[in-house]
Amino acid sequence: MIGGISVTQLLILLVIVMLVFGTKRLRNIGSDLGSAVKGFRKGIEDEPEEQEPGKITNAEKTAEAPLKKEEKSTASKPSDTDV
């Protein structure tokens, strides 16, 4: 008995689900769900930890370069409120 549901009730529910969806579709749903969970677990395990400051990639360098130029240009220009 699981949470107030007996074995006979589970079997009846299983038969109804098989009649509604069919065995082929249930098999496809099960395999798709299993591969999704497997991919999710693999993605979590492969996710890199925080990168060390010395290991900055070229993509990160190029993404930060325009921001630094904008910061310098806005800092050197006086705004209307400064005048």
N, C-alpha and C. Protein backbone atom coordinates (compact mmCIF):
# COMPACT_ATOMS: atom_id res chain seq x y z
N MET A 1 0.84 -1.18 0.00
CA MET A 1 0.00 0.00 0.00
C MET A 1 0.89 1.25 0.00
N ILE A 2 0.71 2.09 -1.00
CA ILE A 2 1.52 3.30 -1.16
C ILE A 2 0.60 4.51 -1.00
N GLY A 3 0.75 5.24 0.09
CA GLY A 3 -0.03 6.45 0.29
C GLY A 3 -1.53 6.23 0.25
N GLY A 4 -2.00 5.10 0.70
CA GLY A 4 -3.42 4.83 0.74
C GLY A 4 -3.96 4.18 -0.53
N ILE A 5 -3.08 3.84 -1.49
CA ILE A 5 -3.51 3.19 -2.74
C ILE A 5 -3.07 1.73 -2.67
N SER A 6 -4.02 0.83 -2.87
CA SER A 6 -3.69 -0.59 -2.80
C SER A 6 -3.13 -1.08 -4.14
N VAL A 7 -2.64 -2.31 -4.13
CA VAL A 7 -2.05 -2.91 -5.32
C VAL A 7 -3.11 -3.08 -6.41
N THR A 8 -4.30 -3.48 -6.06
CA THR A 8 -5.35 -3.66 -7.06
C THR A 8 -5.73 -2.34 -7.72
N GLN A 9 -5.75 -1.27 -6.96
CA GLN A 9 -6.05 0.04 -7.54
C GLN A 9 -4.96 0.48 -8.50
N LEU A 10 -3.70 0.19 -8.16
CA LEU A 10 -2.60 0.51 -9.07
C LEU A 10 -2.69 -0.30 -10.36
N LEU A 11 -3.05 -1.58 -10.26
CA LEU A 11 -3.20 -2.40 -11.47
C LEU A 11 -4.32 -1.91 -12.35
N ILE A 12 -5.44 -1.53 -11.76
CA ILE A 12 -6.57 -0.99 -12.53
C ILE A 12 -6.15 0.31 -13.22
N LEU A 13 -5.44 1.15 -12.51
CA LEU A 13 -4.96 2.40 -13.09
C LEU A 13 -4.01 2.14 -14.25
N LEU A 14 -3.12 1.16 -14.09
CA LEU A 14 -2.18 0.80 -15.15
C LEU A 14 -2.91 0.31 -16.39
N VAL A 15 -3.94 -0.51 -16.22
CA VAL A 15 -4.71 -1.02 -17.35
C VAL A 15 -5.42 0.13 -18.07
N ILE A 16 -5.98 1.06 -17.33
CA ILE A 16 -6.68 2.20 -17.94
C ILE A 16 -5.69 3.07 -18.73
N VAL A 17 -4.51 3.31 -18.17
CA VAL A 17 -3.50 4.11 -18.86
C VAL A 17 -3.05 3.41 -20.13
N MET A 18 -2.88 2.08 -20.07
CA MET A 18 -2.47 1.33 -21.26
C MET A 18 -3.55 1.38 -22.34
N LEU A 19 -4.81 1.34 -21.94
CA LEU A 19 -5.89 1.42 -22.92
C LEU A 19 -5.96 2.80 -23.56
N VAL A 20 -5.72 3.83 -22.79
CA VAL A 20 -5.82 5.19 -23.31
C VAL A 20 -4.63 5.51 -24.23
N PHE A 21 -3.41 5.24 -23.78
CA PHE A 21 -2.23 5.63 -24.53
C PHE A 21 -1.68 4.55 -25.44
N GLY A 22 -1.87 3.29 -25.10
CA GLY A 22 -1.30 2.20 -25.89
C GLY A 22 0.11 1.88 -25.42
N THR A 23 0.51 0.65 -25.62
CA THR A 23 1.82 0.22 -25.11
C THR A 23 2.98 0.85 -25.87
N LYS A 24 2.81 1.05 -27.18
CA LYS A 24 3.89 1.63 -27.97
C LYS A 24 4.18 3.07 -27.54
N ARG A 25 3.13 3.86 -27.35
CA ARG A 25 3.32 5.25 -26.94
C ARG A 25 3.89 5.32 -25.52
N LEU A 26 3.44 4.44 -24.63
CA LEU A 26 3.99 4.43 -23.28
C LEU A 26 5.47 4.07 -23.29
N ARG A 27 5.86 3.14 -24.14
CA ARG A 27 7.26 2.77 -24.25
C ARG A 27 8.08 3.96 -24.76
N ASN A 28 7.55 4.68 -25.74
CA ASN A 28 8.25 5.86 -26.27
C ASN A 28 8.37 6.96 -25.21
N ILE A 29 7.28 7.17 -24.47
CA ILE A 29 7.30 8.18 -23.41
C ILE A 29 8.33 7.80 -22.35
N GLY A 30 8.37 6.52 -21.99
CA GLY A 30 9.33 6.06 -20.98
C GLY A 30 10.77 6.23 -21.44
N SER A 31 11.05 5.89 -22.68
CA SER A 31 12.43 6.04 -23.18
C SER A 31 12.81 7.50 -23.32
N ASP A 32 11.87 8.34 -23.76
CA ASP A 32 12.16 9.78 -23.86
C ASP A 32 12.41 10.39 -22.49
N LEU A 33 11.61 9.99 -21.52
CA LEU A 33 11.79 10.50 -20.17
C LEU A 33 13.13 10.04 -19.59
N GLY A 34 13.48 8.79 -19.82
CA GLY A 34 14.76 8.27 -19.34
C GLY A 34 15.94 8.98 -19.96
N SER A 35 15.90 9.22 -21.27
CA SER A 35 17.00 9.93 -21.93
C SER A 35 17.08 11.38 -21.48
N ALA A 36 15.94 12.00 -21.18
CA ALA A 36 15.95 13.37 -20.70
C ALA A 36 16.59 13.45 -19.32
N VAL A 37 16.27 12.52 -18.45
CA VAL A 37 16.86 12.50 -17.11
C VAL A 37 18.36 12.23 -17.21
N LYS A 38 18.75 11.31 -18.09
CA LYS A 38 20.17 10.99 -18.27
C LYS A 38 20.92 12.22 -18.78
N GLY A 39 20.36 12.93 -19.74
CA GLY A 39 20.98 14.13 -20.27
C GLY A 39 21.08 15.23 -19.22
N PHE A 40 20.05 15.34 -18.39
CA PHE A 40 20.06 16.35 -17.33
C PHE A 40 21.17 16.05 -16.33
N ARG A 41 21.29 14.79 -15.93
CA ARG A 41 22.35 14.41 -14.98
C ARG A 41 23.73 14.65 -15.58
N LYS A 42 23.89 14.31 -16.86
CA LYS A 42 25.18 14.52 -17.52
C LYS A 42 25.50 16.01 -17.60
N GLY A 43 24.50 16.82 -17.88
CA GLY A 43 24.70 18.26 -17.95
C GLY A 43 25.11 18.85 -16.62
N ILE A 44 24.55 18.35 -15.54
CA ILE A 44 24.91 18.84 -14.22
C ILE A 44 26.33 18.44 -13.87
N GLU A 45 26.71 17.20 -14.19
CA GLU A 45 28.06 16.73 -13.88
C GLU A 45 29.11 17.43 -14.73
N ASP A 46 28.81 17.76 -15.98
CA ASP A 46 29.77 18.39 -16.89
C ASP A 46 29.87 19.89 -16.71
N GLU A 47 28.97 20.49 -15.93
CA GLU A 47 28.96 21.94 -15.76
C GLU A 47 30.24 22.38 -15.06
N PRO A 48 30.97 23.31 -15.65
CA PRO A 48 32.24 23.73 -15.04
C PRO A 48 31.99 24.53 -13.77
N GLU A 49 32.91 24.41 -12.85
CA GLU A 49 32.85 25.18 -11.61
C GLU A 49 33.30 26.61 -11.91
N GLU A 50 33.36 27.43 -10.89
CA GLU A 50 33.82 28.81 -11.06
C GLU A 50 35.20 28.80 -11.70
N GLN A 51 35.38 29.62 -12.72
CA GLN A 51 36.67 29.67 -13.39
C GLN A 51 37.66 30.47 -12.56
N GLU A 52 38.90 30.06 -12.61
CA GLU A 52 39.94 30.79 -11.92
C GLU A 52 40.19 32.10 -12.67
N PRO A 53 40.59 33.15 -11.97
CA PRO A 53 40.80 34.44 -12.64
C PRO A 53 41.83 34.39 -13.76
N GLY A 54 42.81 33.53 -13.67
CA GLY A 54 43.84 33.45 -14.69
C GLY A 54 43.37 32.73 -15.94
N LYS A 55 42.29 32.02 -15.88
CA LYS A 55 41.81 31.22 -17.01
C LYS A 55 40.60 31.87 -17.66
N ILE A 56 40.78 33.03 -18.23
CA ILE A 56 39.71 33.73 -18.92
C ILE A 56 39.83 33.41 -20.40
N THR A 57 38.71 33.02 -21.01
CA THR A 57 38.74 32.64 -22.41
C THR A 57 38.75 33.89 -23.30
N ASN A 58 39.06 33.68 -24.58
CA ASN A 58 39.08 34.79 -25.54
C ASN A 58 37.70 35.41 -25.70
N ALA A 59 36.65 34.58 -25.65
CA ALA A 59 35.29 35.10 -25.79
C ALA A 59 34.97 36.05 -24.65
N GLU A 60 35.40 35.72 -23.45
CA GLU A 60 35.15 36.59 -22.31
C GLU A 60 35.94 37.88 -22.43
N LYS A 61 37.17 37.80 -22.96
CA LYS A 61 37.97 39.00 -23.14
C LYS A 61 37.33 39.95 -24.13
N THR A 62 36.85 39.42 -25.25
CA THR A 62 36.24 40.27 -26.27
C THR A 62 34.91 40.83 -25.79
N ALA A 63 34.20 40.11 -24.95
CA ALA A 63 32.93 40.61 -24.44
C ALA A 63 33.15 41.73 -23.44
N GLU A 64 34.25 41.69 -22.69
CA GLU A 64 34.52 42.71 -21.70
C GLU A 64 35.17 43.96 -22.29
N ALA A 65 35.84 43.85 -23.42
CA ALA A 65 36.58 44.97 -24.01
C ALA A 65 35.67 46.16 -24.32
N PRO A 66 34.53 46.01 -25.01
CA PRO A 66 33.69 47.17 -25.28
C PRO A 66 33.14 47.81 -24.02
N LEU A 67 32.87 47.02 -23.00
CA LEU A 67 32.36 47.59 -21.76
C LEU A 67 33.39 48.49 -21.10
N LYS A 68 34.65 48.08 -21.14
CA LYS A 68 35.69 48.90 -20.53
C LYS A 68 35.87 50.21 -21.29
N LYS A 69 35.74 50.17 -22.63
CA LYS A 69 35.87 51.39 -23.42
C LYS A 69 34.73 52.35 -23.10
N GLU A 70 33.52 51.82 -22.95
CA GLU A 70 32.37 52.67 -22.64
C GLU A 70 32.52 53.28 -21.26
N GLU A 71 33.02 52.51 -20.30
CA GLU A 71 33.20 53.04 -18.96
C GLU A 71 34.19 54.19 -18.97
N LYS A 72 35.29 54.05 -19.74
CA LYS A 72 36.29 55.10 -19.81
C LYS A 72 35.73 56.34 -20.49
N SER A 73 34.96 56.15 -21.57
CA SER A 73 34.44 57.30 -22.30
C SER A 73 33.39 58.04 -21.50
N THR A 74 32.56 57.34 -20.75
CA THR A 74 31.54 58.02 -19.96
C THR A 74 32.15 58.69 -18.74
N ALA A 75 33.25 58.16 -18.23
CA ALA A 75 33.88 58.74 -17.05
C ALA A 75 34.59 60.05 -17.42
N SER A 76 35.11 60.16 -18.63
CA SER A 76 35.85 61.36 -19.01
C SER A 76 34.94 62.49 -19.45
N LYS A 77 33.74 62.18 -19.91
CA LYS A 77 32.83 63.22 -20.36
C LYS A 77 32.04 63.78 -19.18
N PRO A 78 31.99 65.08 -19.04
CA PRO A 78 31.17 65.65 -17.96
C PRO A 78 29.69 65.59 -18.35
N SER A 79 28.88 65.30 -17.40
CA SER A 79 27.45 65.24 -17.68
C SER A 79 26.83 66.60 -17.44
N ASP A 80 25.57 66.77 -17.72
CA ASP A 80 24.87 68.05 -17.55
C ASP A 80 24.82 68.46 -16.08
N THR A 81 24.75 67.47 -15.21
CA THR A 81 24.65 67.80 -13.79
C THR A 81 25.99 68.23 -13.20
N ASP A 82 27.10 67.86 -13.85
CA ASP A 82 28.42 68.23 -13.35
C ASP A 82 28.76 69.69 -13.68
N VAL A 83 28.15 70.25 -14.70
CA VAL A 83 28.50 71.59 -15.16
C VAL A 83 27.86 72.66 -14.36
